[in-house]
All heavy atoms as atom14 arrays in JSON, in Angstrom:
{
  "sequence": "TGADVFQHLFDNTFGEVKEINWISRRSNIEALDESCFTDQYFMPD",
  "atom14_mask": [
    [1, 1, 1, 1, 1, 1, 1, 0, 0, 0, 0, 0, 0, 0],
    [1, 1, 1, 1, 0, 0, 0, 0, 0, 0, 0, 0, 0, 0],
    [1, 1, 1, 1, 1, 0, 0, 0, 0, 0, 0, 0, 0, 0],
    [1, 1, 1, 1, 1, 1, 1, 1, 0, 0, 0, 0, 0, 0],
    [1, 1, 1, 1, 1, 1, 1, 0, 0, 0, 0, 0, 0, 0],
    [1, 1, 1, 1, 1, 1, 1, 1, 1, 1, 1, 0, 0, 0],
    [1, 1, 1, 1, 1, 1, 1, 1, 1, 0, 0, 0, 0, 0],
    [1, 1, 1, 1, 1, 1, 1, 1, 1, 1, 0, 0, 0, 0],
    [1, 1, 1, 1, 1, 1, 1, 1, 0, 0, 0, 0, 0, 0],
    [1, 1, 1, 1, 1, 1, 1, 1, 1, 1, 1, 0, 0, 0],
    [1, 1, 1, 1, 1, 1, 1, 1, 0, 0, 0, 0, 0, 0],
    [1, 1, 1, 1, 1, 1, 1, 1, 0, 0, 0, 0, 0, 0],
    [1, 1, 1, 1, 1, 1, 1, 0, 0, 0, 0, 0, 0, 0],
    [1, 1, 1, 1, 1, 1, 1, 1, 1, 1, 1, 0, 0, 0],
    [1, 1, 1, 1, 0, 0, 0, 0, 0, 0, 0, 0, 0, 0],
    [1, 1, 1, 1, 1, 1, 1, 1, 1, 0, 0, 0, 0, 0],
    [1, 1, 1, 1, 1, 1, 1, 0, 0, 0, 0, 0, 0, 0],
    [1, 1, 1, 1, 1, 1, 1, 1, 1, 0, 0, 0, 0, 0],
    [1, 1, 1, 1, 1, 1, 1, 1, 1, 0, 0, 0, 0, 0],
    [1, 1, 1, 1, 1, 1, 1, 1, 0, 0, 0, 0, 0, 0],
    [1, 1, 1, 1, 1, 1, 1, 1, 0, 0, 0, 0, 0, 0],
    [1, 1, 1, 1, 1, 1, 1, 1, 1, 1, 1, 1, 1, 1],
    [1, 1, 1, 1, 1, 1, 1, 1, 0, 0, 0, 0, 0, 0],
    [1, 1, 1, 1, 1, 1, 0, 0, 0, 0, 0, 0, 0, 0],
    [1, 1, 1, 1, 1, 1, 1, 1, 1, 1, 1, 0, 0, 0],
    [1, 1, 1, 1, 1, 1, 1, 1, 1, 1, 1, 0, 0, 0],
    [1, 1, 1, 1, 1, 1, 0, 0, 0, 0, 0, 0, 0, 0],
    [1, 1, 1, 1, 1, 1, 1, 1, 0, 0, 0, 0, 0, 0],
    [1, 1, 1, 1, 1, 1, 1, 1, 0, 0, 0, 0, 0, 0],
    [1, 1, 1, 1, 1, 1, 1, 1, 1, 0, 0, 0, 0, 0],
    [1, 1, 1, 1, 1, 0, 0, 0, 0, 0, 0, 0, 0, 0],
    [1, 1, 1, 1, 1, 1, 1, 1, 0, 0, 0, 0, 0, 0],
    [1, 1, 1, 1, 1, 1, 1, 1, 0, 0, 0, 0, 0, 0],
    [1, 1, 1, 1, 1, 1, 1, 1, 1, 0, 0, 0, 0, 0],
    [1, 1, 1, 1, 1, 1, 0, 0, 0, 0, 0, 0, 0, 0],
    [1, 1, 1, 1, 1, 1, 0, 0, 0, 0, 0, 0, 0, 0],
    [1, 1, 1, 1, 1, 1, 1, 1, 1, 1, 1, 0, 0, 0],
    [1, 1, 1, 1, 1, 1, 1, 0, 0, 0, 0, 0, 0, 0],
    [1, 1, 1, 1, 1, 1, 1, 1, 0, 0, 0, 0, 0, 0],
    [1, 1, 1, 1, 1, 1, 1, 1, 1, 0, 0, 0, 0, 0],
    [1, 1, 1, 1, 1, 1, 1, 1, 1, 1, 1, 1, 0, 0],
    [1, 1, 1, 1, 1, 1, 1, 1, 1, 1, 1, 0, 0, 0],
    [1, 1, 1, 1, 1, 1, 1, 1, 0, 0, 0, 0, 0, 0],
    [1, 1, 1, 1, 1, 1, 1, 0, 0, 0, 0, 0, 0, 0],
    [1, 1, 1, 1, 1, 1, 1, 1, 0, 0, 0, 0, 0, 0]
  ],
  "atom14_positions": [
    [[-1.15, 4.44, -0.52], [-2.29, 5.11, 0.1], [-3.45, 4.15, 0.29], [-4.1, 4.13, 1.35], [-2.74, 6.31, -0.76], [-1.67, 7.25, -0.85], [-3.95, 7.0, -0.14], [0.0, 0.0, 0.0], [0.0, 0.0, 0.0], [0.0, 0.0, 0.0], [0.0, 0.0, 0.0], [0.0, 0.0, 0.0], [0.0, 0.0, 0.0], [0.0, 0.0, 0.0]],
    [[-3.75, 3.34, -0.72], [-4.8, 2.35, -0.59], [-4.54, 1.4, 0.56], [-5.45, 1.04, 1.32], [0.0, 0.0, 0.0], [0.0, 0.0, 0.0], [0.0, 0.0, 0.0], [0.0, 0.0, 0.0], [0.0, 0.0, 0.0], [0.0, 0.0, 0.0], [0.0, 0.0, 0.0], [0.0, 0.0, 0.0], [0.0, 0.0, 0.0], [0.0, 0.0, 0.0]],
    [[-3.28, 0.98, 0.71], [-2.91, 0.07, 1.79], [-3.08, 0.74, 3.15], [-3.59, 0.13, 4.11], [-1.47, -0.4, 1.61], [0.0, 0.0, 0.0], [0.0, 0.0, 0.0], [0.0, 0.0, 0.0], [0.0, 0.0, 0.0], [0.0, 0.0, 0.0], [0.0, 0.0, 0.0], [0.0, 0.0, 0.0], [0.0, 0.0, 0.0], [0.0, 0.0, 0.0]],
    [[-2.66, 2.0, 3.26], [-2.81, 2.72, 4.54], [-4.28, 2.88, 4.9], [-4.66, 2.71, 6.07], [-2.15, 4.11, 4.45], [-0.62, 4.04, 4.45], [-0.07, 3.04, 4.96], [0.01, 4.98, 3.94], [0.0, 0.0, 0.0], [0.0, 0.0, 0.0], [0.0, 0.0, 0.0], [0.0, 0.0, 0.0], [0.0, 0.0, 0.0], [0.0, 0.0, 0.0]],
    [[-5.1, 3.2, 3.91], [-6.53, 3.37, 4.17], [-7.14, 2.03, 4.6], [-7.9, 1.96, 5.57], [-7.25, 3.94, 2.94], [-8.76, 3.93, 3.13], [-6.78, 5.37, 2.66], [0.0, 0.0, 0.0], [0.0, 0.0, 0.0], [0.0, 0.0, 0.0], [0.0, 0.0, 0.0], [0.0, 0.0, 0.0], [0.0, 0.0, 0.0], [0.0, 0.0, 0.0]],
    [[-6.8, 0.95, 3.88], [-7.33, -0.37, 4.23], [-6.96, -0.73, 5.67], [-7.81, -1.19, 6.45], [-6.79, -1.43, 3.27], [-7.3, -2.82, 3.56], [-8.49, -3.26, 3.0], [-6.61, -3.67, 4.41], [-8.98, -4.55, 3.27], [-7.08, -4.94, 4.7], [-8.26, -5.38, 4.13], [0.0, 0.0, 0.0], [0.0, 0.0, 0.0], [0.0, 0.0, 0.0]],
    [[-5.71, -0.52, 6.02], [-5.25, -0.87, 7.37], [-6.01, -0.1, 8.43], [-6.45, -0.67, 9.44], [-3.75, -0.59, 7.5], [-3.19, -0.83, 8.9], [-1.73, -0.42, 8.99], [-0.95, -0.68, 8.08], [-1.37, 0.23, 10.09], [0.0, 0.0, 0.0], [0.0, 0.0, 0.0], [0.0, 0.0, 0.0], [0.0, 0.0, 0.0], [0.0, 0.0, 0.0]],
    [[-6.21, 1.18, 8.22], [-6.88, 2.0, 9.24], [-8.38, 1.67, 9.32], [-8.96, 1.73, 10.4], [-6.64, 3.48, 8.97], [-5.28, 3.95, 9.4], [-4.16, 3.73, 8.64], [-4.87, 4.58, 10.53], [-3.11, 4.24, 9.27], [-3.51, 4.76, 10.41], [0.0, 0.0, 0.0], [0.0, 0.0, 0.0], [0.0, 0.0, 0.0], [0.0, 0.0, 0.0]],
    [[-8.98, 1.34, 8.19], [-10.38, 0.93, 8.24], [-10.51, -0.43, 8.93], [-11.44, -0.65, 9.71], [-10.97, 0.87, 6.83], [-11.72, 2.13, 6.37], [-10.85, 3.36, 6.4], [-12.28, 1.91, 4.96], [0.0, 0.0, 0.0], [0.0, 0.0, 0.0], [0.0, 0.0, 0.0], [0.0, 0.0, 0.0], [0.0, 0.0, 0.0], [0.0, 0.0, 0.0]],
    [[-9.58, -1.33, 8.64], [-9.59, -2.66, 9.26], [-9.46, -2.52, 10.78], [-10.07, -3.27, 11.54], [-8.44, -3.5, 8.7], [-8.53, -4.96, 9.02], [-9.1, -5.85, 8.12], [-8.06, -5.45, 10.23], [-9.18, -7.2, 8.42], [-8.14, -6.79, 10.53], [-8.71, -7.68, 9.63], [0.0, 0.0, 0.0], [0.0, 0.0, 0.0], [0.0, 0.0, 0.0]],
    [[-8.65, -1.55, 11.21], [-8.42, -1.33, 12.64], [-9.48, -0.45, 13.29], [-9.33, -0.02, 14.44], [-7.05, -0.69, 12.85], [-5.91, -1.64, 12.52], [-6.16, -2.85, 12.39], [-4.76, -1.16, 12.38], [0.0, 0.0, 0.0], [0.0, 0.0, 0.0], [0.0, 0.0, 0.0], [0.0, 0.0, 0.0], [0.0, 0.0, 0.0], [0.0, 0.0, 0.0]],
    [[-10.55, -0.13, 12.56], [-11.69, 0.62, 13.09], [-11.31, 2.05, 13.52], [-11.88, 2.59, 14.47], [-12.33, -0.13, 14.27], [-12.89, -1.47, 13.86], [-13.38, -1.63, 12.75], [-12.81, -2.45, 14.76], [0.0, 0.0, 0.0], [0.0, 0.0, 0.0], [0.0, 0.0, 0.0], [0.0, 0.0, 0.0], [0.0, 0.0, 0.0], [0.0, 0.0, 0.0]],
    [[-10.35, 2.65, 12.83], [-9.97, 4.02, 13.15], [-11.15, 4.98, 13.05], [-11.25, 5.94, 13.81], [-8.83, 4.49, 12.22], [-7.71, 3.61, 12.37], [-8.41, 5.92, 12.54], [0.0, 0.0, 0.0], [0.0, 0.0, 0.0], [0.0, 0.0, 0.0], [0.0, 0.0, 0.0], [0.0, 0.0, 0.0], [0.0, 0.0, 0.0], [0.0, 0.0, 0.0]],
    [[-12.04, 4.72, 12.09], [-13.18, 5.6, 11.87], [-14.51, 4.91, 12.21], [-15.55, 5.24, 11.66], [-13.19, 6.09, 10.43], [-11.93, 6.83, 10.04], [-10.93, 6.19, 9.31], [-11.72, 8.14, 10.43], [-9.77, 6.85, 8.97], [-10.56, 8.82, 10.09], [-9.57, 8.17, 9.36], [0.0, 0.0, 0.0], [0.0, 0.0, 0.0], [0.0, 0.0, 0.0]],
    [[-14.43, 3.96, 13.1], [-15.62, 3.21, 13.5], [-15.57, 1.79, 12.97], [-14.77, 1.46, 12.09], [0.0, 0.0, 0.0], [0.0, 0.0, 0.0], [0.0, 0.0, 0.0], [0.0, 0.0, 0.0], [0.0, 0.0, 0.0], [0.0, 0.0, 0.0], [0.0, 0.0, 0.0], [0.0, 0.0, 0.0], [0.0, 0.0, 0.0], [0.0, 0.0, 0.0]],
    [[-16.42, 0.93, 13.48], [-16.42, -0.48, 13.1], [-17.13, -0.66, 11.76], [-18.36, -0.66, 11.67], [-17.1, -1.32, 14.18], [-16.94, -2.82, 13.96], [-17.42, -3.64, 15.13], [-17.64, -3.06, 16.23], [-17.6, -4.86, 14.96], [0.0, 0.0, 0.0], [0.0, 0.0, 0.0], [0.0, 0.0, 0.0], [0.0, 0.0, 0.0], [0.0, 0.0, 0.0]],
    [[-16.31, -0.83, 10.72], [-16.83, -0.94, 9.36], [-17.54, -2.28, 9.18], [-17.1, -3.32, 9.67], [-15.67, -0.81, 8.35], [-16.16, -0.99, 6.93], [-14.99, 0.54, 8.5], [0.0, 0.0, 0.0], [0.0, 0.0, 0.0], [0.0, 0.0, 0.0], [0.0, 0.0, 0.0], [0.0, 0.0, 0.0], [0.0, 0.0, 0.0], [0.0, 0.0, 0.0]],
    [[-18.65, -2.25, 8.45], [-19.4, -3.48, 8.19], [-18.73, -4.33, 7.11], [-18.66, -5.56, 7.22], [-20.83, -3.13, 7.75], [-21.7, -4.34, 7.43], [-23.09, -3.9, 6.99], [-23.97, -5.1, 6.65], [-25.32, -4.68, 6.2], [0.0, 0.0, 0.0], [0.0, 0.0, 0.0], [0.0, 0.0, 0.0], [0.0, 0.0, 0.0], [0.0, 0.0, 0.0]],
    [[-18.21, -3.67, 6.06], [-17.65, -4.41, 4.93], [-16.61, -3.54, 4.24], [-16.79, -2.32, 4.1], [-18.77, -4.77, 3.95], [-18.32, -5.51, 2.7], [-19.51, -5.79, 1.78], [-20.41, -6.54, 2.2], [-19.52, -5.23, 0.65], [0.0, 0.0, 0.0], [0.0, 0.0, 0.0], [0.0, 0.0, 0.0], [0.0, 0.0, 0.0], [0.0, 0.0, 0.0]],
    [[-15.48, -4.15, 3.83], [-14.45, -3.44, 3.07], [-14.17, -4.21, 1.79], [-13.92, -5.43, 1.83], [-13.12, -3.32, 3.85], [-13.32, -2.73, 5.25], [-12.13, -2.47, 3.06], [-12.05, -2.72, 6.08], [0.0, 0.0, 0.0], [0.0, 0.0, 0.0], [0.0, 0.0, 0.0], [0.0, 0.0, 0.0], [0.0, 0.0, 0.0], [0.0, 0.0, 0.0]],
    [[-14.21, -3.52, 0.67], [-13.76, -4.07, -0.61], [-12.61, -3.2, -1.12], [-12.8, -2.0, -1.35], [-14.89, -4.08, -1.64], [-15.92, -5.15, -1.35], [-15.61, -6.33, -1.4], [-17.13, -4.73, -1.05], [0.0, 0.0, 0.0], [0.0, 0.0, 0.0], [0.0, 0.0, 0.0], [0.0, 0.0, 0.0], [0.0, 0.0, 0.0], [0.0, 0.0, 0.0]],
    [[-11.43, -3.82, -1.25], [-10.25, -3.09, -1.73], [-10.03, -3.48, -3.19], [-9.73, -4.63, -3.5], [-9.05, -3.45, -0.86], [-7.79, -2.69, -1.18], [-7.65, -1.63, -2.01], [-6.49, -2.96, -0.64], [-6.36, -1.2, -2.04], [-5.62, -1.99, -1.21], [-6.0, -3.89, 0.26], [-4.27, -1.96, -0.89], [-4.65, -3.86, 0.57], [-3.78, -2.91, 0.01]],
    [[-10.17, -2.49, -4.08], [-10.13, -2.72, -5.52], [-8.87, -2.1, -6.11], [-8.53, -0.95, -5.81], [-11.36, -2.07, -6.21], [-12.66, -2.47, -5.5], [-11.39, -2.39, -7.69], [-12.94, -3.94, -5.49], [0.0, 0.0, 0.0], [0.0, 0.0, 0.0], [0.0, 0.0, 0.0], [0.0, 0.0, 0.0], [0.0, 0.0, 0.0], [0.0, 0.0, 0.0]],
    [[-8.17, -2.88, -6.95], [-6.95, -2.36, -7.58], [-6.84, -2.84, -9.02], [-7.13, -4.0, -9.32], [-5.71, -2.82, -6.81], [-4.52, -2.44, -7.49], [0.0, 0.0, 0.0], [0.0, 0.0, 0.0], [0.0, 0.0, 0.0], [0.0, 0.0, 0.0], [0.0, 0.0, 0.0], [0.0, 0.0, 0.0], [0.0, 0.0, 0.0], [0.0, 0.0, 0.0]],
    [[-6.39, -1.96, -9.9], [-6.13, -2.35, -11.29], [-4.87, -3.21, -11.4], [-4.68, -3.92, -12.38], [-5.94, -1.12, -12.17], [-7.21, -0.33, -12.43], [-6.97, 0.79, -13.41], [-5.96, 1.72, -12.94], [-5.59, 2.83, -13.6], [-6.14, 3.1, -14.77], [-4.68, 3.64, -13.1], [0.0, 0.0, 0.0], [0.0, 0.0, 0.0], [0.0, 0.0, 0.0]],
    [[-4.0, -3.12, -10.41], [-2.74, -3.84, -10.46], [-2.98, -5.35, -10.4], [-3.98, -5.8, -9.86], [-1.82, -3.4, -9.33], [-1.55, -1.91, -9.35], [-0.63, -1.47, -8.25], [-0.52, -0.01, -8.22], [0.39, 0.66, -7.52], [1.27, 0.01, -6.79], [0.41, 1.98, -7.55], [0.0, 0.0, 0.0], [0.0, 0.0, 0.0], [0.0, 0.0, 0.0]],
    [[-2.03, -6.1, -10.92], [-2.2, -7.55, -10.99], [-2.13, -8.21, -9.62], [-2.55, -9.36, -9.46], [-1.14, -8.16, -11.91], [0.16, -7.88, -11.42], [0.0, 0.0, 0.0], [0.0, 0.0, 0.0], [0.0, 0.0, 0.0], [0.0, 0.0, 0.0], [0.0, 0.0, 0.0], [0.0, 0.0, 0.0], [0.0, 0.0, 0.0], [0.0, 0.0, 0.0]],
    [[-1.62, -7.51, -8.62], [-1.56, -8.03, -7.26], [-1.39, -6.84, -6.32], [-1.25, -5.7, -6.77], [-0.4, -9.02, -7.11], [-0.55, -9.95, -5.91], [-1.44, -9.76, -5.07], [0.29, -10.96, -5.85], [0.0, 0.0, 0.0], [0.0, 0.0, 0.0], [0.0, 0.0, 0.0], [0.0, 0.0, 0.0], [0.0, 0.0, 0.0], [0.0, 0.0, 0.0]],
    [[-1.4, -7.11, -5.03], [-1.05, -6.07, -4.06], [0.46, -6.08, -3.99], [1.07, -6.97, -3.39], [-1.7, -6.36, -2.68], [-3.21, -6.48, -2.83], [-1.33, -5.27, -1.69], [-3.9, -5.26, -3.41], [0.0, 0.0, 0.0], [0.0, 0.0, 0.0], [0.0, 0.0, 0.0], [0.0, 0.0, 0.0], [0.0, 0.0, 0.0], [0.0, 0.0, 0.0]],
    [[1.09, -5.09, -4.63], [2.5, -5.19, -4.96], [3.39, -4.38, -4.02], [3.08, -3.25, -3.63], [2.71, -4.72, -6.4], [1.99, -5.61, -7.41], [2.03, -5.09, -8.82], [1.87, -3.86, -8.99], [2.22, -5.9, -9.74], [0.0, 0.0, 0.0], [0.0, 0.0, 0.0], [0.0, 0.0, 0.0], [0.0, 0.0, 0.0], [0.0, 0.0, 0.0]],
    [[4.54, -4.99, -3.69], [5.47, -4.4, -2.74], [6.33, -3.32, -3.38], [6.64, -3.37, -4.58], [6.37, -5.49, -2.15], [0.0, 0.0, 0.0], [0.0, 0.0, 0.0], [0.0, 0.0, 0.0], [0.0, 0.0, 0.0], [0.0, 0.0, 0.0], [0.0, 0.0, 0.0], [0.0, 0.0, 0.0], [0.0, 0.0, 0.0], [0.0, 0.0, 0.0]],
    [[6.74, -2.37, -2.57], [7.72, -1.36, -2.97], [9.03, -2.06, -3.3], [9.5, -2.91, -2.55], [7.93, -0.38, -1.82], [8.9, 0.78, -2.04], [8.29, 1.79, -3.01], [9.22, 1.46, -0.71], [0.0, 0.0, 0.0], [0.0, 0.0, 0.0], [0.0, 0.0, 0.0], [0.0, 0.0, 0.0], [0.0, 0.0, 0.0], [0.0, 0.0, 0.0]],
    [[9.61, -1.73, -4.42], [10.91, -2.27, -4.81], [11.97, -1.39, -4.14], [12.29, -0.31, -4.63], [11.04, -2.23, -6.33], [12.32, -2.89, -6.83], [13.14, -3.3, -5.99], [12.5, -2.98, -8.05], [0.0, 0.0, 0.0], [0.0, 0.0, 0.0], [0.0, 0.0, 0.0], [0.0, 0.0, 0.0], [0.0, 0.0, 0.0], [0.0, 0.0, 0.0]],
    [[12.5, -1.84, -3.01], [13.37, -0.99, -2.21], [14.71, -1.65, -1.89], [15.29, -1.44, -0.82], [12.66, -0.58, -0.91], [12.09, -1.73, -0.12], [11.29, -1.27, 1.1], [11.46, -0.11, 1.53], [10.51, -2.07, 1.63], [0.0, 0.0, 0.0], [0.0, 0.0, 0.0], [0.0, 0.0, 0.0], [0.0, 0.0, 0.0], [0.0, 0.0, 0.0]],
    [[15.23, -2.46, -2.81], [16.52, -3.09, -2.58], [17.64, -2.06, -2.71], [17.45, -0.95, -3.23], [16.75, -4.22, -3.59], [17.08, -3.69, -4.86], [0.0, 0.0, 0.0], [0.0, 0.0, 0.0], [0.0, 0.0, 0.0], [0.0, 0.0, 0.0], [0.0, 0.0, 0.0], [0.0, 0.0, 0.0], [0.0, 0.0, 0.0], [0.0, 0.0, 0.0]],
    [[18.83, -2.45, -2.25], [19.96, -1.53, -2.3], [20.33, -1.18, -3.75], [20.78, -0.06, -4.03], [21.16, -2.1, -1.57], [21.59, -3.79, -2.06], [0.0, 0.0, 0.0], [0.0, 0.0, 0.0], [0.0, 0.0, 0.0], [0.0, 0.0, 0.0], [0.0, 0.0, 0.0], [0.0, 0.0, 0.0], [0.0, 0.0, 0.0], [0.0, 0.0, 0.0]],
    [[20.11, -2.1, -4.68], [20.42, -1.79, -6.07], [19.31, -0.97, -6.72], [19.58, -0.13, -7.58], [20.69, -3.08, -6.86], [22.07, -3.62, -6.61], [22.27, -4.62, -5.66], [23.16, -3.12, -7.29], [23.54, -5.1, -5.4], [24.45, -3.6, -7.04], [24.63, -4.59, -6.1], [0.0, 0.0, 0.0], [0.0, 0.0, 0.0], [0.0, 0.0, 0.0]],
    [[18.09, -1.19, -6.32], [17.02, -0.33, -6.81], [17.27, 1.11, -6.38], [16.97, 2.06, -7.12], [15.66, -0.8, -6.26], [15.4, -2.11, -6.74], [14.54, 0.13, -6.7], [0.0, 0.0, 0.0], [0.0, 0.0, 0.0], [0.0, 0.0, 0.0], [0.0, 0.0, 0.0], [0.0, 0.0, 0.0], [0.0, 0.0, 0.0], [0.0, 0.0, 0.0]],
    [[17.84, 1.29, -5.21], [18.12, 2.63, -4.7], [19.11, 3.39, -5.59], [19.22, 4.62, -5.48], [18.65, 2.55, -3.27], [18.37, 3.82, -2.47], [17.27, 4.38, -2.62], [19.26, 4.26, -1.72], [0.0, 0.0, 0.0], [0.0, 0.0, 0.0], [0.0, 0.0, 0.0], [0.0, 0.0, 0.0], [0.0, 0.0, 0.0], [0.0, 0.0, 0.0]],
    [[19.81, 2.68, -6.46], [20.75, 3.36, -7.35], [20.03, 4.23, -8.38], [20.64, 5.12, -8.98], [21.63, 2.33, -8.06], [22.41, 1.41, -7.13], [23.2, 2.16, -6.08], [24.08, 2.96, -6.4], [22.89, 1.9, -4.81], [0.0, 0.0, 0.0], [0.0, 0.0, 0.0], [0.0, 0.0, 0.0], [0.0, 0.0, 0.0], [0.0, 0.0, 0.0]],
    [[18.73, 3.96, -8.61], [17.96, 4.85, -9.47], [17.83, 6.24, -8.86], [17.54, 7.21, -9.56], [16.54, 4.31, -9.7], [16.44, 3.06, -10.53], [15.58, 2.04, -10.17], [17.19, 2.91, -11.7], [15.45, 0.89, -10.94], [17.08, 1.76, -12.48], [16.21, 0.75, -12.09], [16.09, -0.38, -12.85], [0.0, 0.0, 0.0], [0.0, 0.0, 0.0]],
    [[18.01, 6.32, -7.57], [17.81, 7.58, -6.84], [19.16, 8.21, -6.5], [19.35, 8.75, -5.41], [16.98, 7.32, -5.58], [15.61, 6.79, -5.88], [15.4, 5.42, -6.02], [14.54, 7.64, -6.05], [14.14, 4.92, -6.32], [13.27, 7.15, -6.36], [13.08, 5.78, -6.49], [0.0, 0.0, 0.0], [0.0, 0.0, 0.0], [0.0, 0.0, 0.0]],
    [[20.09, 8.11, -7.43], [21.42, 8.69, -7.28], [21.62, 9.75, -8.36], [21.13, 9.61, -9.49], [22.5, 7.61, -7.42], [22.42, 6.49, -6.4], [22.94, 7.06, -4.76], [22.71, 5.54, -3.8], [0.0, 0.0, 0.0], [0.0, 0.0, 0.0], [0.0, 0.0, 0.0], [0.0, 0.0, 0.0], [0.0, 0.0, 0.0], [0.0, 0.0, 0.0]],
    [[22.37, 10.81, -8.05], [22.57, 11.88, -9.04], [23.13, 11.41, -10.37], [22.73, 11.9, -11.43], [23.55, 12.82, -8.33], [23.26, 12.63, -6.87], [22.93, 11.17, -6.73], [0.0, 0.0, 0.0], [0.0, 0.0, 0.0], [0.0, 0.0, 0.0], [0.0, 0.0, 0.0], [0.0, 0.0, 0.0], [0.0, 0.0, 0.0], [0.0, 0.0, 0.0]],
    [[24.05, 10.42, -10.35], [24.66, 9.99, -11.61], [23.62, 9.35, -12.53], [23.66, 9.54, -13.76], [25.81, 9.02, -11.35], [25.33, 7.66, -10.84], [24.72, 7.64, -9.76], [25.55, 6.64, -11.52], [0.0, 0.0, 0.0], [0.0, 0.0, 0.0], [0.0, 0.0, 0.0], [0.0, 0.0, 0.0], [0.0, 0.0, 0.0], [0.0, 0.0, 0.0]]
  ]
}
């Protein structure tokens, strides 16, 4: 959600923003873990 909001503000969806500060507790801006083996967590077994 933070990434989506940042992108839309950067693209001036709601007007030309003067300044954006994106703050996160996470150690980095981290990617979704979506490998084929990670997907095995989302299996009934």
